[in-house]
Amino acid sequence: MVEFPLMIKPPPPALAAPVIRSRRDFVKLSAGLTAGVSLATLDLTRHAYAAGTDRIRIGLIGCGNRGTAAAIDALEADPGVHLVAMADVFADRLAASRDKIKARFPDRVLVDAAHAFSGLEGWKHVIEASDVVLIACSSRFHPKFLRAAVDAGKHVFVEKPHGIDPAGVRATQEAADLAKVKGLSVVSGLHNRFDAGVRETVQRIHDGQIGEVVAMEVNFLRAPYVLVERQPGWSEMEFQLRNWYHFSWLSGDDVTQSLVHNLDKASWVMREEPPLKAHGLGGRSASFGPVYGDMFDHHSVVYEYANGTRLYAFCRTQKECYGGISDQIIGTKGRASLLNYMIRGEKSWDYKGRTPHPYKDEQKEFFAGIRAGRPLNSGAYMANSTMVAVLGQIVCYTGRQLGWKKAIASDFAFPPAGEIDFKTVPPVRPGANGEYPLAVPGKTKLIAGT
């Protein structure tokens, strides 16, 4: 079992990815990794797109709503960007996405039949065909595809979450560290980091405008997301892959899927310091039927930090209930509302800058950095914030309190292990009534000793 310090900053791996057991290993491997990347490779990566009109070939892995939107934002961000390859498990979803993007950019969508890849292996061909890879598929695969793209020398935009279990989070951190050494951009889909209003609000918090942060309350409350009903003729695996958001082995459940955005902002406020421990409540009370898979429909997590600060985090996916996304930061001299870009207290303030467009702005900064030879790397926070979410999901499933160090060092990973194809038996199966088994707090055990 690999041990890490409090922050998720494990040392970058050697190219052969050996197990790192100590800081001594870190020093040796860091030196070897730096030496193993040639100066020629680094120079090529940094200067290939210095001219603002040079073509940048992008490829899309995952053609659902988020992937399609990310590709559109990328094409809007830079007139030299061309979409040249796409992959999705399902050909019909790929075709719909391509048609939608091509309607917006008829001259810059160059995805012919030979570069439209369906099935579970198509992602490999997208990486081969592209300079920049956009990853927005089932979350289970994000760390694996990210590492493969970095190994291939490609710049990467990867959607959140950056892992659905501790094993996946560690893999993401290793890939981000390697990208930094190779001079490649890795940009996270945690888009609030690119929101000008949130940036200024957080900076003012860091500058002491609300005093010492003593508590935070964050909410991500909405109706169920993208429900895909089973169709005649689908196998069990096809149904779960099409409805992937509602199966924990593919999505990680809603703390990692949705609440991760709020937890990322809270981690930012806390200067990336992870919590010491967490406990949580969760279950399903309103959303029943096979289409909901094995997901909980409500979660509440309490995180405790070393200085005594508490983070109270809530998410819900239920119909006809109060909804909204919010982040309230409470300090000794005032309070801040991150998404309202405002502070109230001894030094009240309201944001007066330009209207933020974080989804678009992240792509603009991504491609501007590539062209300027100043690659962006979200590794300083993307794995850390995701692990805060993973910790929260684990404590809701198990009903136990769990410490940060024990969680990040654990070997827990959602099954199944190894490669997945349409013949793989999904790790969860419906019962006689069509319902899928749920985690049972107090009985479900994911990490030894908890």
Protein backbone atom coordinates (compact mmCIF):
# COMPACT_ATOMS: atom_id res chain seq x y z
CA MET A 1 0.00 0.00 0.00
CA VAL A 2 1.43 3.38 -1.05
CA GLU A 3 1.60 6.05 1.63
CA PHE A 4 1.13 9.73 0.78
CA PRO A 5 1.44 12.93 2.80
CA LEU A 6 -1.67 14.92 3.66
CA MET A 7 -1.85 16.71 0.32
CA ILE A 8 -2.44 14.56 -2.75
CA LYS A 9 0.94 15.27 -4.22
CA PRO A 10 2.55 11.87 -4.70
CA PRO A 11 5.86 12.06 -6.52
CA PRO A 12 5.82 11.81 -10.31
CA PRO A 13 6.36 8.23 -11.49
CA ALA A 14 9.16 6.95 -13.64
CA LEU A 15 8.07 6.08 -17.16
CA ALA A 16 7.71 2.44 -16.12
CA ALA A 17 5.43 3.53 -13.25
CA PRO A 18 7.11 1.70 -10.34
CA VAL A 19 5.61 1.76 -6.87
CA ILE A 20 6.78 4.78 -4.86
CA ARG A 21 7.20 3.96 -1.18
CA SER A 22 9.28 6.78 0.26
CA ARG A 23 10.54 10.33 -0.29
CA ARG A 24 13.91 8.80 -1.20
CA ASP A 25 12.18 7.03 -4.09
CA PHE A 26 10.60 10.36 -5.03
CA VAL A 27 13.95 12.13 -5.36
CA LYS A 28 15.47 9.34 -7.45
CA LEU A 29 12.46 8.93 -9.71
CA SER A 30 12.02 12.68 -10.25
CA ALA A 31 15.59 12.97 -11.44
CA GLY A 32 15.24 9.96 -13.71
CA LEU A 33 11.97 11.10 -15.19
CA THR A 34 13.30 14.57 -16.00
CA ALA A 35 16.35 13.06 -17.65
CA GLY A 36 14.21 10.61 -19.61
CA VAL A 37 12.25 13.32 -21.45
CA SER A 38 14.37 14.73 -24.25
CA LEU A 39 14.82 18.45 -24.76
CA ALA A 40 13.74 17.97 -28.36
CA THR A 41 10.40 16.57 -27.23
CA LEU A 42 9.86 19.45 -24.81
CA ASP A 43 10.76 22.07 -27.41
CA LEU A 44 8.42 20.54 -29.99
CA THR A 45 5.51 20.49 -27.53
CA ARG A 46 6.03 24.07 -26.46
CA HIS A 47 6.47 25.69 -29.86
CA ALA A 48 4.48 23.60 -32.35
CA TYR A 49 1.57 26.05 -32.31
CA ALA A 50 3.35 29.35 -31.75
CA ALA A 51 1.75 30.93 -34.84
CA GLY A 52 -1.81 31.93 -34.07
CA THR A 53 -3.21 30.57 -37.34
CA ASP A 54 -1.63 27.09 -37.25
CA ARG A 55 -4.12 24.25 -37.23
CA ILE A 56 -4.60 22.37 -33.97
CA ARG A 57 -6.24 18.97 -34.38
CA ILE A 58 -8.56 18.06 -31.54
CA GLY A 59 -10.18 14.72 -30.81
CA LEU A 60 -13.21 14.05 -28.63
CA ILE A 61 -13.64 10.99 -26.40
CA GLY A 62 -17.20 10.81 -25.12
CA CYS A 63 -19.97 12.34 -27.24
CA GLY A 64 -22.67 13.01 -24.68
CA ASN A 65 -23.93 16.44 -23.69
CA ARG A 66 -20.78 17.54 -21.85
CA GLY A 67 -18.38 16.25 -24.48
CA THR A 68 -20.34 17.88 -27.29
CA ALA A 69 -20.43 21.20 -25.43
CA ALA A 70 -16.69 21.01 -24.67
CA ALA A 71 -15.88 20.48 -28.35
CA ILE A 72 -18.06 23.45 -29.33
CA ASP A 73 -16.36 25.62 -26.71
CA ALA A 74 -12.94 24.53 -27.99
CA LEU A 75 -13.83 25.41 -31.59
CA GLU A 76 -15.15 28.79 -30.46
CA ALA A 77 -12.02 29.44 -28.41
CA ASP A 78 -9.52 29.34 -31.27
CA PRO A 79 -10.14 29.73 -35.03
CA GLY A 80 -7.28 27.36 -35.79
CA VAL A 81 -8.86 24.44 -33.93
CA HIS A 82 -10.27 21.63 -36.10
CA LEU A 83 -12.15 18.57 -34.85
CA VAL A 84 -10.60 15.58 -36.61
CA ALA A 85 -11.60 12.48 -34.60
CA MET A 86 -14.39 11.35 -32.28
CA ALA A 87 -15.07 8.26 -30.18
CA ASP A 88 -18.04 7.03 -28.24
CA VAL A 89 -19.14 3.60 -27.10
CA PHE A 90 -22.29 4.01 -29.21
CA ALA A 91 -22.35 4.99 -32.88
CA ASP A 92 -25.74 6.70 -32.69
CA ARG A 93 -24.59 9.02 -29.93
CA LEU A 94 -21.42 9.84 -31.85
CA ALA A 95 -23.38 10.63 -35.02
CA ALA A 96 -25.77 12.94 -33.18
CA SER A 97 -22.88 14.80 -31.58
CA ARG A 98 -20.98 15.16 -34.85
CA ASP A 99 -24.07 16.52 -36.62
CA LYS A 100 -24.66 19.07 -33.87
CA ILE A 101 -21.06 20.31 -33.85
CA LYS A 102 -20.77 20.33 -37.65
CA ALA A 103 -23.91 22.45 -37.93
CA ARG A 104 -22.06 25.12 -35.96
CA PHE A 105 -18.66 24.72 -37.61
CA PRO A 106 -19.15 23.12 -41.05
CA ASP A 107 -15.63 23.95 -42.25
CA ARG A 108 -13.77 22.86 -39.12
CA VAL A 109 -15.37 19.52 -38.32
CA LEU A 110 -13.30 17.10 -40.38
CA VAL A 111 -14.46 13.82 -38.85
CA ASP A 112 -14.96 11.40 -41.72
CA ALA A 113 -16.12 7.80 -41.38
CA ALA A 114 -12.53 6.62 -40.90
CA HIS A 115 -12.12 8.86 -37.86
CA ALA A 116 -15.45 8.21 -36.14
CA PHE A 117 -14.80 5.38 -33.71
CA SER A 118 -17.52 3.51 -31.87
CA GLY A 119 -17.05 0.73 -29.33
CA LEU A 120 -14.90 0.45 -26.23
CA GLU A 121 -11.53 0.76 -27.97
CA GLY A 122 -12.14 3.83 -30.12
CA TRP A 123 -10.51 6.19 -27.62
CA LYS A 124 -7.08 4.83 -28.56
CA HIS A 125 -7.50 5.93 -32.17
CA VAL A 126 -8.63 9.42 -31.17
CA ILE A 127 -5.43 9.91 -29.18
CA GLU A 128 -3.38 8.77 -32.18
CA ALA A 129 -5.12 11.17 -34.57
CA SER A 130 -5.09 14.33 -32.44
CA ASP A 131 -2.80 17.01 -31.07
CA VAL A 132 -5.22 17.81 -28.25
CA VAL A 133 -7.61 15.34 -26.62
CA LEU A 134 -10.90 16.25 -24.96
CA ILE A 135 -12.08 13.56 -22.51
CA ALA A 136 -15.71 13.63 -21.37
CA CYS A 137 -16.82 10.00 -21.22
CA SER A 138 -17.94 7.77 -18.34
CA SER A 139 -15.96 9.01 -15.35
CA ARG A 140 -14.51 5.61 -14.55
CA PHE A 141 -12.26 5.93 -17.59
CA HIS A 142 -10.98 9.49 -17.08
CA PRO A 143 -7.70 8.61 -15.30
CA LYS A 144 -6.81 5.83 -17.75
CA PHE A 145 -7.47 7.88 -20.87
CA LEU A 146 -5.69 10.90 -19.39
CA ARG A 147 -2.55 8.88 -18.72
CA ALA A 148 -2.61 7.33 -22.20
CA ALA A 149 -2.90 10.76 -23.82
CA VAL A 150 -0.05 12.19 -21.74
CA ASP A 151 2.10 9.14 -22.51
CA ALA A 152 1.43 9.84 -26.20
CA GLY A 153 2.57 13.45 -25.82
CA LYS A 154 -0.84 15.07 -26.24
CA HIS A 155 -2.35 18.08 -24.48
CA VAL A 156 -5.50 17.11 -22.60
CA PHE A 157 -8.73 18.62 -21.37
CA VAL A 158 -10.40 16.13 -19.02
CA GLU A 159 -13.80 16.47 -17.41
CA LYS A 160 -14.44 16.01 -13.73
CA PRO A 161 -14.36 13.91 -11.65
CA HIS A 162 -10.74 12.90 -11.99
CA GLY A 163 -11.27 9.46 -10.52
CA ILE A 164 -14.15 7.76 -8.73
CA ASP A 165 -12.02 5.99 -6.12
CA PRO A 166 -8.61 6.46 -4.45
CA ALA A 167 -6.86 4.34 -7.07
CA GLY A 168 -8.19 6.52 -9.87
CA VAL A 169 -7.26 9.74 -8.08
CA ARG A 170 -3.68 8.57 -7.63
CA ALA A 171 -3.49 7.70 -11.32
CA THR A 172 -4.70 11.19 -12.24
CA GLN A 173 -2.10 12.85 -10.02
CA GLU A 174 0.67 10.77 -11.58
CA ALA A 175 -0.50 11.69 -15.09
CA ALA A 176 -0.64 15.40 -14.24
CA ASP A 177 2.85 15.26 -12.76
CA LEU A 178 4.18 13.54 -15.86
CA ALA A 179 2.49 16.11 -18.11
CA LYS A 180 4.28 18.89 -16.26
CA VAL A 181 7.64 17.26 -16.88
CA LYS A 182 6.80 16.74 -20.56
CA GLY A 183 5.61 20.31 -21.04
CA LEU A 184 2.01 19.32 -21.80
CA SER A 185 -1.20 21.05 -20.79
CA VAL A 186 -3.66 19.18 -18.59
CA VAL A 187 -6.78 21.25 -17.95
CA SER A 188 -9.54 20.14 -15.60
CA GLY A 189 -13.27 20.40 -16.22
CA LEU A 190 -13.63 21.96 -12.76
CA HIS A 191 -14.61 25.11 -14.63
CA ASN A 192 -15.15 27.41 -11.64
CA ARG A 193 -11.38 27.85 -11.48
CA PHE A 194 -11.76 29.82 -14.72
CA ASP A 195 -14.69 31.96 -13.52
CA ALA A 196 -13.45 35.55 -13.21
CA GLY A 197 -16.03 36.40 -10.54
CA VAL A 198 -15.19 33.38 -8.39
CA ARG A 199 -11.48 34.05 -8.86
CA GLU A 200 -11.77 37.57 -7.49
CA THR A 201 -14.04 36.50 -4.64
CA VAL A 202 -11.65 33.75 -3.55
CA GLN A 203 -8.69 36.11 -3.82
CA ARG A 204 -10.44 38.58 -1.52
CA ILE A 205 -11.09 35.77 0.96
CA HIS A 206 -7.40 34.86 0.82
CA ASP A 207 -6.54 38.53 1.37
CA GLY A 208 -8.52 38.44 4.64
CA GLN A 209 -11.61 40.41 3.62
CA ILE A 210 -13.95 38.12 5.63
CA GLY A 211 -11.39 37.36 8.32
CA GLU A 212 -10.62 33.78 9.29
CA VAL A 213 -12.82 31.17 7.61
CA VAL A 214 -14.69 29.25 10.28
CA ALA A 215 -17.38 27.39 8.30
CA MET A 216 -18.61 26.71 4.77
CA GLU A 217 -21.97 25.49 3.48
CA VAL A 218 -22.19 24.22 -0.11
CA ASN A 219 -25.17 22.84 -2.03
CA PHE A 220 -25.74 21.11 -5.36
CA LEU A 221 -29.47 20.37 -5.45
CA ARG A 222 -31.34 19.40 -8.62
CA ALA A 223 -33.62 16.89 -10.30
CA PRO A 224 -32.19 13.55 -11.53
CA TYR A 225 -29.70 13.96 -14.35
CA VAL A 226 -29.96 12.35 -17.83
CA LEU A 227 -32.09 9.28 -17.24
CA VAL A 228 -31.83 6.68 -20.04
CA GLU A 229 -34.61 4.10 -20.00
CA ARG A 230 -33.80 0.52 -20.98
CA GLN A 231 -34.84 -0.37 -24.56
CA PRO A 232 -35.81 -3.79 -25.96
CA GLY A 233 -32.84 -5.75 -27.18
CA TRP A 234 -30.26 -4.05 -24.98
CA SER A 235 -27.99 -6.27 -22.93
CA GLU A 236 -27.45 -5.45 -19.27
CA MET A 237 -24.04 -4.01 -20.08
CA GLU A 238 -25.38 -1.81 -22.86
CA PHE A 239 -28.09 -0.43 -20.59
CA GLN A 240 -25.59 0.42 -17.87
CA LEU A 241 -23.13 2.00 -20.29
CA ARG A 242 -25.87 4.12 -21.88
CA ASN A 243 -27.23 5.08 -18.46
CA TRP A 244 -23.76 5.31 -16.93
CA TYR A 245 -24.38 8.32 -14.75
CA HIS A 246 -26.67 6.23 -12.52
CA PHE A 247 -24.27 3.37 -11.80
CA SER A 248 -21.62 3.94 -9.16
CA TRP A 249 -18.98 1.75 -10.82
CA LEU A 250 -19.11 4.05 -13.87
CA SER A 251 -19.82 7.44 -12.28
CA GLY A 252 -18.88 7.25 -8.60
CA ASP A 253 -22.34 8.59 -7.58
CA ASP A 254 -23.40 12.20 -7.10
CA VAL A 255 -20.86 13.47 -4.56
CA THR A 256 -18.11 12.77 -7.07
CA GLN A 257 -20.22 13.80 -10.07
CA SER A 258 -21.90 17.01 -8.92
CA LEU A 259 -20.88 18.09 -5.44
CA VAL A 260 -17.25 17.90 -6.56
CA HIS A 261 -17.70 21.38 -8.08
CA ASN A 262 -18.58 22.86 -4.70
CA LEU A 263 -15.91 20.85 -2.91
CA ASP A 264 -13.35 22.13 -5.40
CA LYS A 265 -14.30 25.74 -4.61
CA ALA A 266 -14.16 25.03 -0.88
CA SER A 267 -10.72 23.43 -1.30
CA TRP A 268 -9.62 26.51 -3.20
CA VAL A 269 -10.78 28.71 -0.33
CA MET A 270 -8.80 26.47 2.05
CA ARG A 271 -5.68 26.91 -0.13
CA GLU A 272 -5.87 23.24 -1.20
CA GLU A 273 -5.46 21.96 2.36
CA PRO A 274 -7.36 18.67 2.60
CA PRO A 275 -9.70 17.91 5.50
CA LEU A 276 -8.52 15.72 8.35
CA LYS A 277 -11.63 13.54 8.26
CA ALA A 278 -15.27 13.35 7.25
CA HIS A 279 -18.56 11.69 8.12
CA GLY A 280 -21.78 11.67 6.13
CA LEU A 281 -25.38 10.64 5.66
CA GLY A 282 -26.97 9.38 2.47
CA GLY A 283 -29.45 7.06 0.85
CA ARG A 284 -32.43 6.89 -1.47
CA SER A 285 -35.84 8.15 -0.42
CA ALA A 286 -37.67 9.46 -3.51
CA SER A 287 -36.21 8.01 -6.74
CA PHE A 288 -37.17 4.40 -7.38
CA GLY A 289 -37.04 2.22 -10.48
CA PRO A 290 -34.33 0.51 -12.55
CA VAL A 291 -33.47 3.71 -14.40
CA TYR A 292 -31.95 5.11 -11.18
CA GLY A 293 -29.43 2.28 -11.02
CA ASP A 294 -27.64 1.97 -7.69
CA MET A 295 -27.22 5.68 -6.94
CA PHE A 296 -28.24 7.47 -3.77
CA ASP A 297 -30.60 10.41 -4.28
CA HIS A 298 -29.35 12.51 -1.36
CA HIS A 299 -26.05 13.02 0.46
CA SER A 300 -24.84 15.15 3.35
CA VAL A 301 -21.15 15.31 4.27
CA VAL A 302 -19.36 17.10 7.10
CA TYR A 303 -15.62 17.70 6.66
CA GLU A 304 -13.36 18.80 9.52
CA TYR A 305 -10.10 20.68 8.94
CA ALA A 306 -7.03 20.88 11.14
CA ASN A 307 -7.79 24.46 12.26
CA GLY A 308 -11.34 23.53 13.29
CA THR A 309 -13.08 24.85 10.16
CA ARG A 310 -16.10 22.76 9.18
CA LEU A 311 -17.44 22.24 5.66
CA TYR A 312 -21.11 21.22 5.41
CA ALA A 313 -21.80 19.80 1.96
CA PHE A 314 -25.13 18.69 0.49
CA CYS A 315 -26.31 17.25 -2.82
CA ARG A 316 -29.67 15.89 -3.92
CA THR A 317 -31.17 14.48 -7.14
CA GLN A 318 -34.92 14.43 -6.52
CA LYS A 319 -37.87 15.77 -8.50
CA GLU A 320 -40.07 18.65 -7.33
CA CYS A 321 -37.77 19.62 -4.48
CA TYR A 322 -35.96 22.83 -3.61
CA GLY A 323 -32.96 23.22 -5.87
CA GLY A 324 -29.95 25.40 -6.41
CA ILE A 325 -26.17 25.56 -6.42
CA SER A 326 -24.50 27.71 -3.79
CA ASP A 327 -21.31 28.19 -1.80
CA GLN A 328 -21.47 30.24 1.40
CA ILE A 329 -18.16 30.99 3.12
CA ILE A 330 -18.47 32.27 6.71
CA GLY A 331 -15.63 34.21 8.30
CA THR A 332 -14.97 36.08 11.51
CA LYS A 333 -15.45 39.45 9.75
CA GLY A 334 -18.05 38.65 7.12
CA ARG A 335 -19.37 36.10 4.68
CA ALA A 336 -18.92 35.44 0.96
CA SER A 337 -21.22 33.95 -1.66
CA LEU A 338 -18.92 32.57 -4.33
CA LEU A 339 -21.35 32.22 -7.23
CA ASN A 340 -22.99 35.58 -6.46
CA TYR A 341 -19.53 37.20 -6.44
CA MET A 342 -20.26 39.14 -3.26
CA ILE A 343 -19.01 39.72 0.28
CA ARG A 344 -21.04 41.07 3.17
CA GLY A 345 -19.65 42.19 6.51
CA GLU A 346 -17.07 44.69 7.66
CA LYS A 347 -15.85 45.18 4.08
CA SER A 348 -18.81 44.49 1.78
CA TRP A 349 -18.05 44.10 -1.92
CA ASP A 350 -19.76 43.21 -5.20
CA TYR A 351 -18.02 42.04 -8.36
CA LYS A 352 -18.05 44.63 -11.14
CA GLY A 353 -15.91 42.91 -13.76
CA ARG A 354 -16.89 41.41 -17.09
CA THR A 355 -19.55 38.71 -17.23
CA PRO A 356 -17.81 35.37 -16.65
CA HIS A 357 -18.20 32.48 -19.09
CA PRO A 358 -16.17 29.79 -17.30
CA TYR A 359 -16.84 26.90 -19.70
CA LYS A 360 -15.71 29.04 -22.63
CA ASP A 361 -12.95 30.81 -20.75
CA GLU A 362 -11.28 27.57 -19.70
CA GLN A 363 -10.99 26.54 -23.35
CA LYS A 364 -9.65 29.97 -24.33
CA GLU A 365 -6.97 29.80 -21.67
CA PHE A 366 -6.23 26.17 -22.56
CA PHE A 367 -5.52 26.87 -26.23
CA ALA A 368 -3.86 30.22 -25.61
CA GLY A 369 -1.40 28.46 -23.30
CA ILE A 370 -0.66 25.80 -25.90
CA ARG A 371 0.03 28.38 -28.60
CA ALA A 372 2.15 30.56 -26.33
CA GLY A 373 4.29 27.64 -25.16
CA ARG A 374 3.01 28.15 -21.59
CA PRO A 375 1.09 24.94 -20.92
CA LEU A 376 -1.54 24.99 -18.18
CA ASN A 377 -1.52 22.21 -15.62
CA SER A 378 -4.44 21.72 -13.23
CA GLY A 379 -2.58 19.02 -11.32
CA ALA A 380 -2.18 21.26 -8.28
CA TYR A 381 -5.88 20.89 -7.50
CA MET A 382 -7.73 18.45 -9.77
CA ALA A 383 -6.78 15.25 -7.95
CA ASN A 384 -6.97 16.88 -4.53
CA SER A 385 -10.52 18.18 -5.05
CA THR A 386 -11.66 14.89 -6.54
CA MET A 387 -10.31 13.00 -3.55
CA VAL A 388 -12.28 15.27 -1.20
CA ALA A 389 -15.39 14.14 -3.14
CA VAL A 390 -14.36 10.48 -3.08
CA LEU A 391 -13.88 10.67 0.68
CA GLY A 392 -17.38 12.13 1.01
CA GLN A 393 -18.94 9.41 -1.11
CA ILE A 394 -17.22 6.67 0.86
CA VAL A 395 -18.42 7.96 4.24
CA CYS A 396 -21.98 8.25 2.94
CA TYR A 397 -21.94 4.68 1.61
CA THR A 398 -20.38 3.18 4.74
CA GLY A 399 -21.86 5.40 7.45
CA ARG A 400 -18.43 5.56 9.06
CA GLN A 401 -16.13 8.43 9.88
CA LEU A 402 -12.97 8.21 7.80
CA GLY A 403 -9.65 10.05 7.92
CA TRP A 404 -8.04 11.61 4.85
CA LYS A 405 -4.73 9.75 5.11
CA LYS A 406 -6.40 6.37 5.43
CA ALA A 407 -8.71 7.08 2.49
CA ILE A 408 -6.05 8.24 0.02
CA ALA A 409 -3.69 5.39 0.94
CA SER A 410 -6.35 2.71 0.54
CA ASP A 411 -6.53 0.17 -2.26
CA PHE A 412 -10.26 0.61 -2.79
CA ALA A 413 -11.33 0.67 -6.43
CA PHE A 414 -14.75 0.04 -7.90
CA PRO A 415 -14.94 -3.35 -9.64
CA PRO A 416 -14.52 -4.90 -12.11
CA ALA A 417 -10.75 -4.98 -12.44
CA GLY A 418 -9.10 -5.07 -15.85
CA GLU A 419 -10.48 -4.36 -19.29
CA ILE A 420 -14.22 -4.07 -19.93
CA ASP A 421 -16.15 -5.21 -22.99
CA PHE A 422 -19.77 -5.96 -23.78
CA LYS A 423 -19.33 -9.50 -22.48
CA THR A 424 -18.17 -8.31 -19.07
CA VAL A 425 -20.66 -9.05 -16.30
CA PRO A 426 -21.50 -5.71 -14.63
CA PRO A 427 -20.65 -5.61 -10.92
CA VAL A 428 -24.25 -4.75 -10.04
CA ARG A 429 -27.27 -6.67 -11.31
CA PRO A 430 -30.99 -6.03 -10.87
CA GLY A 431 -33.03 -8.06 -8.43
CA ALA A 432 -36.27 -9.85 -9.20
CA ASN A 433 -38.17 -6.56 -8.94
CA GLY A 434 -35.82 -4.85 -11.37
CA GLU A 435 -34.24 -2.68 -8.67
CA TYR A 436 -30.47 -2.60 -8.17
CA PRO A 437 -28.92 -3.20 -4.73
CA LEU A 438 -27.79 -0.08 -2.88
CA ALA A 439 -25.00 0.54 -0.42
CA VAL A 440 -26.25 0.13 3.14
CA PRO A 441 -24.66 2.56 5.63
CA GLY A 442 -23.41 0.69 8.66
CA LYS A 443 -23.06 -2.56 6.69
CA THR A 444 -21.30 -1.65 3.44
CA LYS A 445 -17.52 -1.83 3.83
CA LEU A 446 -15.21 -0.33 1.22
CA ILE A 447 -11.96 0.18 3.13
CA ALA A 448 -10.53 -2.30 5.60
CA GLY A 449 -10.91 -1.26 9.22
CA THR A 450 -13.83 1.11 8.65
